[in-house]
Amino acid sequence: MQGRRVQAGPRPSGRSPFRRTRWPTRSPRCPSPSEGVFLCWLLLRTGLIPRPLAILGLIGYPILAAGTIAELFGIHIGLLLTIPGGLFELALAFWLLIKGFNPQAYGQVRDNRDRRAASAPATA
C-alpha cells in the first residue's frame, strides 16, 4: 500500500485554509481606551494636570472605545471617533513639555500626610 503525497504550500484551489478577517488586526486597540480612562482618572484625582485637560481625556477615551467596537462590526466611523482622544494626547504632550506636572500637587500629598500624622492619637 503506497501512501499519498501531501503537497506543502497553497491548496490547489489557491485559497488559504484560514478565513481572513479584520478582527486580529483591530482587536489590539481595545485595551488602550480602558487604560487611558484609568490614566485620566488618576490625573484628575491627583491634580497633576489642569482639570479641563483630564476631563477631555475622560471623554475622549470612551469615544475611542466606541469607535473601535464600531470598526470591529464593520461600521467605519472609528477614524472620526479618534479625534477627541487624539486631541487629548497631543494637548497632554505639549502641556508636559511646556509646563510639566503641577508642583503643588506634590505638596498637597505631603501636607495631607502630615495632617493625618499630627491628628492621629499617640500610642504608647
N, C-alpha and C. Protein backbone atom coordinates (compact mmCIF):
# COMPACT_ATOMS: atom_id res chain seq x y z
N MET A 1 0.84 -1.17 0.00
CA MET A 1 0.00 0.00 0.00
C MET A 1 0.89 1.24 0.00
N GLN A 2 0.69 2.07 -0.95
CA GLN A 2 1.50 3.28 -1.06
C GLN A 2 0.76 4.45 -0.44
N GLY A 3 1.52 5.32 0.27
CA GLY A 3 0.92 6.50 0.90
C GLY A 3 0.76 7.63 -0.11
N ARG A 4 -0.17 8.50 0.18
CA ARG A 4 -0.36 9.66 -0.69
C ARG A 4 0.65 10.73 -0.35
N ARG A 5 1.09 11.44 -1.36
CA ARG A 5 1.98 12.57 -1.13
C ARG A 5 1.15 13.80 -0.78
N VAL A 6 1.57 14.47 0.27
CA VAL A 6 0.88 15.69 0.67
C VAL A 6 1.72 16.86 0.21
N GLN A 7 1.09 17.75 -0.53
CA GLN A 7 1.81 18.90 -1.04
C GLN A 7 1.87 19.98 0.04
N ALA A 8 3.03 20.58 0.15
CA ALA A 8 3.17 21.73 1.03
C ALA A 8 2.87 22.97 0.21
N GLY A 9 2.40 24.00 0.85
CA GLY A 9 2.14 25.24 0.14
C GLY A 9 0.66 25.45 -0.05
N PRO A 10 0.32 26.31 -0.99
CA PRO A 10 -1.10 26.65 -1.16
C PRO A 10 -1.90 25.46 -1.67
N ARG A 11 -3.14 25.46 -1.35
CA ARG A 11 -4.03 24.42 -1.82
C ARG A 11 -4.22 24.56 -3.32
N PRO A 12 -4.64 23.50 -3.97
CA PRO A 12 -4.84 23.57 -5.42
C PRO A 12 -5.84 24.65 -5.82
N SER A 13 -6.80 24.94 -4.98
CA SER A 13 -7.78 25.96 -5.35
C SER A 13 -7.21 27.36 -5.22
N GLY A 14 -6.02 27.50 -4.58
CA GLY A 14 -5.41 28.81 -4.41
C GLY A 14 -5.95 29.56 -3.20
N ARG A 15 -6.80 28.94 -2.43
CA ARG A 15 -7.37 29.61 -1.26
C ARG A 15 -6.63 29.18 0.00
N SER A 16 -6.59 30.06 0.92
CA SER A 16 -5.98 29.77 2.21
C SER A 16 -6.95 28.93 3.03
N PRO A 17 -6.44 28.01 3.84
CA PRO A 17 -7.37 27.22 4.67
C PRO A 17 -8.00 28.04 5.80
N PHE A 18 -7.47 29.22 6.05
CA PHE A 18 -7.99 30.06 7.12
C PHE A 18 -8.68 31.26 6.51
N ARG A 19 -9.84 31.56 7.04
CA ARG A 19 -10.58 32.72 6.56
C ARG A 19 -9.94 33.99 7.11
N ARG A 20 -9.67 34.92 6.25
CA ARG A 20 -9.05 36.17 6.70
C ARG A 20 -10.12 37.13 7.17
N THR A 21 -9.92 37.65 8.37
CA THR A 21 -10.83 38.64 8.93
C THR A 21 -10.03 39.82 9.41
N ARG A 22 -10.75 40.87 9.78
CA ARG A 22 -10.08 42.05 10.30
C ARG A 22 -9.96 42.03 11.82
N TRP A 23 -10.57 41.06 12.48
CA TRP A 23 -10.54 41.02 13.94
C TRP A 23 -9.13 40.99 14.51
N PRO A 24 -8.21 40.17 14.00
CA PRO A 24 -6.88 40.15 14.61
C PRO A 24 -6.14 41.48 14.49
N THR A 25 -6.39 42.22 13.43
CA THR A 25 -5.69 43.49 13.27
C THR A 25 -6.36 44.63 14.02
N ARG A 26 -7.63 44.50 14.34
CA ARG A 26 -8.35 45.58 15.01
C ARG A 26 -8.40 45.39 16.52
N SER A 27 -8.41 44.16 16.99
CA SER A 27 -8.62 43.92 18.41
C SER A 27 -7.49 44.39 19.32
N PRO A 28 -6.22 44.52 18.89
CA PRO A 28 -5.21 45.02 19.83
C PRO A 28 -5.46 46.45 20.30
N ARG A 29 -6.30 47.21 19.62
CA ARG A 29 -6.58 48.57 20.05
C ARG A 29 -7.59 48.63 21.18
N CYS A 30 -8.25 47.53 21.50
CA CYS A 30 -9.32 47.54 22.50
C CYS A 30 -8.85 47.88 23.92
N PRO A 31 -7.72 47.37 24.42
CA PRO A 31 -7.34 47.72 25.79
C PRO A 31 -6.93 49.17 25.98
N SER A 32 -6.50 49.83 24.94
CA SER A 32 -6.00 51.19 25.06
C SER A 32 -7.00 52.16 25.67
N PRO A 33 -8.27 52.17 25.27
CA PRO A 33 -9.19 53.13 25.89
C PRO A 33 -9.39 52.90 27.38
N SER A 34 -9.43 51.65 27.83
CA SER A 34 -9.63 51.43 29.26
C SER A 34 -8.42 51.90 30.06
N GLU A 35 -7.24 51.70 29.52
CA GLU A 35 -6.03 52.19 30.20
C GLU A 35 -6.00 53.71 30.20
N GLY A 36 -6.45 54.33 29.11
CA GLY A 36 -6.48 55.78 29.02
C GLY A 36 -7.45 56.40 30.01
N VAL A 37 -8.62 55.77 30.19
CA VAL A 37 -9.59 56.27 31.16
C VAL A 37 -9.00 56.20 32.56
N PHE A 38 -8.32 55.11 32.87
CA PHE A 38 -7.71 54.97 34.19
C PHE A 38 -6.63 56.04 34.41
N LEU A 39 -5.81 56.28 33.39
CA LEU A 39 -4.78 57.31 33.49
C LEU A 39 -5.40 58.69 33.71
N CYS A 40 -6.42 59.01 32.93
CA CYS A 40 -7.05 60.33 33.07
C CYS A 40 -7.74 60.49 34.41
N TRP A 41 -8.33 59.41 34.92
CA TRP A 41 -8.95 59.47 36.24
C TRP A 41 -7.90 59.76 37.31
N LEU A 42 -6.74 59.10 37.21
CA LEU A 42 -5.66 59.36 38.17
C LEU A 42 -5.14 60.79 38.05
N LEU A 43 -4.99 61.27 36.81
CA LEU A 43 -4.52 62.64 36.62
C LEU A 43 -5.53 63.65 37.15
N LEU A 44 -6.81 63.34 37.03
CA LEU A 44 -7.85 64.23 37.55
C LEU A 44 -7.83 64.22 39.08
N ARG A 45 -7.72 63.05 39.68
CA ARG A 45 -7.73 62.94 41.14
C ARG A 45 -6.51 63.59 41.79
N THR A 46 -5.35 63.43 41.16
CA THR A 46 -4.13 63.97 41.76
C THR A 46 -3.92 65.44 41.46
N GLY A 47 -4.54 65.94 40.41
CA GLY A 47 -4.37 67.35 40.06
C GLY A 47 -3.03 67.67 39.43
N LEU A 48 -2.38 66.67 38.82
CA LEU A 48 -1.08 66.90 38.20
C LEU A 48 -1.17 67.72 36.93
N ILE A 49 -2.32 67.69 36.27
CA ILE A 49 -2.54 68.49 35.06
C ILE A 49 -3.83 69.26 35.27
N PRO A 50 -4.10 70.28 34.45
CA PRO A 50 -5.35 71.04 34.62
C PRO A 50 -6.59 70.16 34.47
N ARG A 51 -7.58 70.49 35.23
CA ARG A 51 -8.83 69.72 35.25
C ARG A 51 -9.48 69.59 33.86
N PRO A 52 -9.59 70.66 33.05
CA PRO A 52 -10.22 70.51 31.73
C PRO A 52 -9.46 69.53 30.82
N LEU A 53 -8.17 69.48 30.94
CA LEU A 53 -7.38 68.56 30.12
C LEU A 53 -7.65 67.11 30.52
N ALA A 54 -7.73 66.84 31.81
CA ALA A 54 -8.03 65.48 32.27
C ALA A 54 -9.45 65.08 31.89
N ILE A 55 -10.39 66.02 31.94
CA ILE A 55 -11.77 65.72 31.56
C ILE A 55 -11.86 65.44 30.07
N LEU A 56 -11.07 66.14 29.26
CA LEU A 56 -11.03 65.85 27.81
C LEU A 56 -10.60 64.41 27.58
N GLY A 57 -9.65 63.94 28.34
CA GLY A 57 -9.23 62.54 28.22
C GLY A 57 -10.30 61.58 28.69
N LEU A 58 -11.00 61.93 29.78
CA LEU A 58 -12.07 61.07 30.27
C LEU A 58 -13.23 60.99 29.29
N ILE A 59 -13.42 62.00 28.49
CA ILE A 59 -14.46 61.98 27.46
C ILE A 59 -13.94 61.31 26.19
N GLY A 60 -12.70 61.59 25.83
CA GLY A 60 -12.15 61.11 24.56
C GLY A 60 -11.92 59.62 24.50
N TYR A 61 -11.47 59.02 25.58
CA TYR A 61 -11.15 57.59 25.53
C TYR A 61 -12.38 56.68 25.42
N PRO A 62 -13.48 56.94 26.12
CA PRO A 62 -14.67 56.11 25.86
C PRO A 62 -15.20 56.27 24.43
N ILE A 63 -15.07 57.46 23.87
CA ILE A 63 -15.47 57.65 22.47
C ILE A 63 -14.56 56.83 21.56
N LEU A 64 -13.28 56.77 21.89
CA LEU A 64 -12.34 55.93 21.13
C LEU A 64 -12.74 54.46 21.24
N ALA A 65 -13.16 54.02 22.42
CA ALA A 65 -13.61 52.63 22.59
C ALA A 65 -14.83 52.34 21.74
N ALA A 66 -15.76 53.28 21.69
CA ALA A 66 -16.96 53.09 20.86
C ALA A 66 -16.58 53.00 19.38
N GLY A 67 -15.62 53.81 18.96
CA GLY A 67 -15.17 53.75 17.56
C GLY A 67 -14.48 52.44 17.23
N THR A 68 -13.71 51.93 18.17
CA THR A 68 -13.03 50.65 17.95
C THR A 68 -14.04 49.52 17.84
N ILE A 69 -15.03 49.52 18.70
CA ILE A 69 -16.06 48.48 18.64
C ILE A 69 -16.87 48.60 17.35
N ALA A 70 -17.17 49.83 16.94
CA ALA A 70 -17.91 50.03 15.69
C ALA A 70 -17.11 49.50 14.49
N GLU A 71 -15.80 49.74 14.50
CA GLU A 71 -14.95 49.23 13.41
C GLU A 71 -14.94 47.71 13.37
N LEU A 72 -14.95 47.08 14.54
CA LEU A 72 -14.98 45.62 14.58
C LEU A 72 -16.23 45.06 13.92
N PHE A 73 -17.32 45.80 14.00
CA PHE A 73 -18.57 45.34 13.41
C PHE A 73 -18.81 45.91 12.02
N GLY A 74 -17.80 46.54 11.44
CA GLY A 74 -17.91 46.99 10.06
C GLY A 74 -18.49 48.37 9.87
N ILE A 75 -18.71 49.12 10.93
CA ILE A 75 -19.20 50.49 10.81
C ILE A 75 -17.97 51.38 10.80
N HIS A 76 -17.72 52.04 9.71
CA HIS A 76 -16.45 52.74 9.51
C HIS A 76 -16.51 54.19 10.00
N ILE A 77 -16.61 54.36 11.31
CA ILE A 77 -16.57 55.69 11.91
C ILE A 77 -15.44 55.80 12.92
N GLY A 78 -14.61 54.77 13.01
CA GLY A 78 -13.56 54.73 14.01
C GLY A 78 -12.56 55.85 13.89
N LEU A 79 -12.21 56.22 12.67
CA LEU A 79 -11.24 57.29 12.47
C LEU A 79 -11.78 58.62 12.96
N LEU A 80 -13.04 58.86 12.72
CA LEU A 80 -13.67 60.10 13.17
C LEU A 80 -13.74 60.16 14.70
N LEU A 81 -13.97 59.02 15.33
CA LEU A 81 -14.12 58.98 16.78
C LEU A 81 -12.78 58.97 17.51
N THR A 82 -11.68 58.92 16.80
CA THR A 82 -10.37 59.02 17.46
C THR A 82 -9.95 60.47 17.69
N ILE A 83 -10.69 61.41 17.14
CA ILE A 83 -10.29 62.83 17.23
C ILE A 83 -10.23 63.33 18.68
N PRO A 84 -11.25 63.13 19.53
CA PRO A 84 -11.13 63.65 20.91
C PRO A 84 -9.97 63.04 21.68
N GLY A 85 -9.76 61.75 21.57
CA GLY A 85 -8.64 61.11 22.25
C GLY A 85 -7.30 61.59 21.71
N GLY A 86 -7.24 61.79 20.39
CA GLY A 86 -6.01 62.30 19.79
C GLY A 86 -5.71 63.73 20.23
N LEU A 87 -6.75 64.55 20.32
CA LEU A 87 -6.55 65.92 20.81
C LEU A 87 -6.03 65.92 22.25
N PHE A 88 -6.59 65.03 23.07
CA PHE A 88 -6.10 64.93 24.46
C PHE A 88 -4.63 64.54 24.48
N GLU A 89 -4.25 63.54 23.69
CA GLU A 89 -2.87 63.08 23.71
C GLU A 89 -1.91 64.16 23.23
N LEU A 90 -2.29 64.90 22.19
CA LEU A 90 -1.43 66.00 21.72
C LEU A 90 -1.35 67.11 22.77
N ALA A 91 -2.50 67.48 23.34
CA ALA A 91 -2.51 68.54 24.34
C ALA A 91 -1.70 68.14 25.57
N LEU A 92 -1.85 66.88 26.00
CA LEU A 92 -1.09 66.42 27.16
C LEU A 92 0.41 66.46 26.88
N ALA A 93 0.81 66.03 25.69
CA ALA A 93 2.24 66.04 25.36
C ALA A 93 2.79 67.45 25.38
N PHE A 94 2.09 68.38 24.75
CA PHE A 94 2.58 69.77 24.73
C PHE A 94 2.54 70.38 26.13
N TRP A 95 1.50 70.07 26.91
CA TRP A 95 1.42 70.61 28.26
C TRP A 95 2.60 70.13 29.11
N LEU A 96 2.91 68.85 29.02
CA LEU A 96 4.00 68.31 29.82
C LEU A 96 5.36 68.82 29.36
N LEU A 97 5.51 69.03 28.05
CA LEU A 97 6.79 69.59 27.56
C LEU A 97 6.97 71.04 27.96
N ILE A 98 5.89 71.81 27.94
CA ILE A 98 6.00 73.25 28.20
C ILE A 98 5.88 73.56 29.70
N LYS A 99 4.85 73.04 30.34
CA LYS A 99 4.59 73.38 31.74
C LYS A 99 5.02 72.30 32.72
N GLY A 100 4.89 71.05 32.35
CA GLY A 100 5.19 69.96 33.27
C GLY A 100 4.04 69.70 34.22
N PHE A 101 4.26 68.80 35.17
CA PHE A 101 3.23 68.50 36.16
C PHE A 101 3.08 69.66 37.12
N ASN A 102 1.94 69.76 37.74
CA ASN A 102 1.66 70.79 38.72
C ASN A 102 2.45 70.49 40.00
N PRO A 103 3.44 71.31 40.35
CA PRO A 103 4.25 71.01 41.54
C PRO A 103 3.47 71.12 42.85
N GLN A 104 2.37 71.87 42.86
CA GLN A 104 1.58 71.99 44.08
C GLN A 104 0.89 70.68 44.43
N ALA A 105 0.66 69.84 43.44
CA ALA A 105 0.02 68.55 43.71
C ALA A 105 0.91 67.68 44.60
N TYR A 106 2.21 67.79 44.43
CA TYR A 106 3.12 67.03 45.28
C TYR A 106 3.07 67.53 46.72
N GLY A 107 3.01 68.84 46.91
CA GLY A 107 2.96 69.42 48.24
C GLY A 107 1.68 69.07 48.98
N GLN A 108 0.56 68.99 48.25
CA GLN A 108 -0.71 68.65 48.88
C GLN A 108 -0.68 67.24 49.46
N VAL A 109 -0.03 66.34 48.77
CA VAL A 109 0.04 64.96 49.27
C VAL A 109 0.84 64.93 50.56
N ARG A 110 1.96 65.61 50.60
CA ARG A 110 2.78 65.64 51.82
C ARG A 110 2.04 66.33 52.95
N ASP A 111 1.35 67.45 52.65
CA ASP A 111 0.61 68.17 53.68
C ASP A 111 -0.49 67.30 54.27
N ASN A 112 -1.19 66.55 53.44
CA ASN A 112 -2.26 65.67 53.94
C ASN A 112 -1.69 64.59 54.84
N ARG A 113 -0.55 64.03 54.49
CA ARG A 113 0.07 63.00 55.33
C ARG A 113 0.50 63.60 56.67
N ASP A 114 1.06 64.80 56.64
CA ASP A 114 1.48 65.45 57.88
C ASP A 114 0.28 65.74 58.78
N ARG A 115 -0.84 66.17 58.18
CA ARG A 115 -2.04 66.46 58.96
C ARG A 115 -2.58 65.19 59.61
N ARG A 116 -2.60 64.10 58.83
CA ARG A 116 -3.09 62.84 59.38
C ARG A 116 -2.20 62.35 60.51
N ALA A 117 -0.89 62.49 60.35
CA ALA A 117 0.04 62.04 61.38
C ALA A 117 -0.11 62.90 62.64
N ALA A 118 -0.34 64.20 62.48
CA ALA A 118 -0.48 65.09 63.63
C ALA A 118 -1.80 64.87 64.36
N SER A 119 -2.85 64.53 63.61
CA SER A 119 -4.16 64.36 64.24
C SER A 119 -4.35 62.94 64.80
N ALA A 120 -3.49 62.02 64.46
CA ALA A 120 -3.62 60.64 64.97
C ALA A 120 -3.24 60.62 66.43
N PRO A 121 -3.97 59.86 67.23
CA PRO A 121 -3.64 59.79 68.66
C PRO A 121 -2.30 59.06 68.87
N ALA A 122 -1.57 59.54 69.80
CA ALA A 122 -0.26 58.93 70.09
C ALA A 122 -0.48 57.63 70.86
N THR A 123 0.20 56.61 70.44
CA THR A 123 0.10 55.32 71.15
C THR A 123 1.39 55.09 71.91
N ALA A 124 1.23 54.56 73.11
CA ALA A 124 2.42 54.34 73.92
C ALA A 124 2.75 52.87 74.03
